[in-house]
Amino acid sequence: LGVEGIIMLTNGMKINQAIQGLTLIDCKLDSQAMPYISERLASQKITHLSVSRNDIGEEGVRRLVDGLKLTDTLQTLDLNQTKIGDPGALIVAGAFKETKSLEVIHLGWNEISDKGAIAIAEGLLN
């Protein structure tokens, strides 16, 4: 799918506002695709987002969280195998302070150490 595919997909979503879930598992996405997805999070009532098994990394999760901070509908976020590591975990933890709708988050296979896990736990408590 890549960035060009995401641009086409998110442009289509501007027309079809009924879409509530977006599953983009293993779509060859990187950090460059995340601003387009983030924009849809901020302006559309997405309840489920999966970008699992994509190399979005720290920069990608930072760009994704920009939209996460502006949504009040996202309930499930799947970031499994996205190579975010501890830096990305810290970014996600910070987003918990600004979004109250998130109920489920998947962070498996991201090489998150105790440092990242503690930050996430603290973010959930705030």
Protein backbone atom coordinates (compact mmCIF):
# COMPACT_ATOMS: atom_id res chain seq x y z
CA LEU A 1 0.00 0.00 0.00
CA GLY A 2 2.70 2.50 1.00
CA VAL A 3 2.34 6.26 1.27
CA GLU A 4 0.71 6.74 -2.14
CA GLY A 5 -1.93 4.15 -1.30
CA ILE A 6 -2.59 5.77 2.08
CA ILE A 7 -3.09 9.14 0.40
CA MET A 8 -5.67 7.64 -1.95
CA LEU A 9 -7.35 5.72 0.89
CA THR A 10 -7.60 8.69 3.23
CA ASN A 11 -8.86 10.93 0.42
CA GLY A 12 -11.62 8.38 -0.17
CA MET A 13 -12.40 8.36 3.54
CA LYS A 14 -13.05 12.10 3.36
CA ILE A 15 -15.96 11.27 1.06
CA ASN A 16 -17.15 8.18 2.97
CA GLN A 17 -17.41 9.38 6.56
CA ALA A 18 -19.20 6.16 7.63
CA ILE A 19 -15.95 4.20 7.99
CA GLN A 20 -15.27 3.57 11.67
CA GLY A 21 -12.47 1.00 11.57
CA LEU A 22 -9.19 0.94 9.72
CA THR A 23 -7.01 -2.18 9.65
CA LEU A 24 -3.71 -1.65 7.85
CA ILE A 25 -1.73 -4.71 8.91
CA ASP A 26 1.53 -5.33 7.02
CA CYS A 27 0.87 -2.65 4.40
CA LYS A 28 4.46 -1.44 4.02
CA LEU A 29 3.72 1.78 5.87
CA ASP A 30 6.38 3.96 7.45
CA SER A 31 6.42 7.22 9.36
CA GLN A 32 5.62 9.18 6.17
CA ALA A 33 2.13 7.61 6.00
CA MET A 34 1.16 8.47 9.56
CA PRO A 35 0.20 12.16 9.09
CA TYR A 36 -2.53 11.11 6.63
CA ILE A 37 -3.90 8.54 9.06
CA SER A 38 -3.57 11.03 11.91
CA GLU A 39 -5.65 13.54 9.96
CA ARG A 40 -8.45 11.00 9.59
CA LEU A 41 -8.32 10.23 13.32
CA ALA A 42 -8.73 13.90 14.07
CA SER A 43 -11.65 14.50 11.71
CA GLN A 44 -13.51 11.20 11.39
CA LYS A 45 -15.18 9.00 13.98
CA ILE A 46 -12.69 6.11 13.82
CA THR A 47 -13.16 3.64 16.69
CA HIS A 48 -10.55 1.02 15.69
CA LEU A 49 -7.12 1.50 14.13
CA SER A 50 -4.51 -1.15 13.45
CA VAL A 51 -1.16 -0.34 11.88
CA SER A 52 0.35 -3.59 13.13
CA ARG A 53 3.41 -5.09 11.38
CA ASN A 54 4.47 -1.82 9.74
CA ASP A 55 7.80 -0.06 10.30
CA ILE A 56 6.41 3.21 11.61
CA GLY A 57 8.98 3.58 14.39
CA GLU A 58 9.30 6.42 16.86
CA GLU A 59 8.69 9.19 14.31
CA GLY A 60 5.62 7.43 12.93
CA VAL A 61 4.02 6.98 16.33
CA ARG A 62 4.75 10.65 17.10
CA ARG A 63 2.89 11.66 13.93
CA LEU A 64 0.03 9.26 14.67
CA VAL A 65 -0.39 10.57 18.21
CA ASP A 66 -1.00 14.07 16.85
CA GLY A 67 -4.37 12.82 15.60
CA LEU A 68 -4.95 10.63 18.61
CA LYS A 69 -4.87 13.71 20.82
CA LEU A 70 -7.73 15.23 18.82
CA THR A 71 -10.11 12.26 18.72
CA ASP A 72 -12.73 11.32 21.27
CA THR A 73 -13.87 8.17 19.48
CA LEU A 74 -10.83 5.87 19.09
CA GLN A 75 -11.32 2.88 21.39
CA THR A 76 -8.78 0.37 20.05
CA LEU A 77 -5.26 1.08 18.83
CA ASP A 78 -3.09 -1.77 17.56
CA LEU A 79 0.60 -0.96 17.37
CA ASN A 80 1.92 -4.55 17.46
CA GLN A 81 5.25 -5.00 15.66
CA THR A 82 5.68 -1.36 14.68
CA LYS A 83 9.26 -0.93 15.93
CA ILE A 84 8.38 1.91 18.31
CA GLY A 85 10.61 0.71 21.18
CA ASP A 86 10.94 2.67 24.40
CA PRO A 87 10.92 6.10 22.69
CA GLY A 88 7.59 5.29 21.04
CA ALA A 89 6.21 3.90 24.29
CA LEU A 90 7.00 7.22 25.99
CA ILE A 91 5.14 9.06 23.21
CA VAL A 92 2.11 6.77 23.55
CA ALA A 93 2.16 7.21 27.33
CA GLY A 94 2.01 10.98 26.90
CA ALA A 95 -1.03 10.66 24.64
CA PHE A 96 -3.02 8.95 27.40
CA LYS A 97 -3.20 12.29 29.19
CA GLU A 98 -5.06 13.84 26.28
CA THR A 99 -7.36 11.05 25.05
CA LYS A 100 -10.01 9.48 27.23
CA SER A 101 -11.77 7.23 24.72
CA LEU A 102 -8.97 4.67 24.28
CA GLU A 103 -9.94 1.35 25.89
CA VAL A 104 -7.57 -1.18 24.25
CA ILE A 105 -4.00 -0.77 23.07
CA HIS A 106 -1.82 -3.50 21.60
CA LEU A 107 1.93 -2.96 21.92
CA GLY A 108 3.37 -6.45 21.51
CA TRP A 109 6.67 -7.22 19.79
CA ASN A 110 8.02 -3.68 20.05
CA GLU A 111 11.06 -4.31 22.23
CA ILE A 112 9.64 -2.16 25.02
CA SER A 113 11.73 -2.47 28.17
CA ASP A 114 10.76 -1.84 31.79
CA LYS A 115 11.38 1.88 31.20
CA GLY A 116 8.76 2.02 28.43
CA ALA A 117 6.32 -0.20 30.32
CA ILE A 118 6.57 1.97 33.43
CA ALA A 119 5.93 5.11 31.35
CA ILE A 120 2.83 3.50 29.83
CA ALA A 121 1.57 2.43 33.26
CA GLU A 122 2.09 5.94 34.62
CA GLY A 123 0.34 7.42 31.57
CA LEU A 124 -2.65 5.19 32.21
CA LEU A 125 -2.83 6.31 35.81
CA ASN A 126 -2.96 10.01 34.89
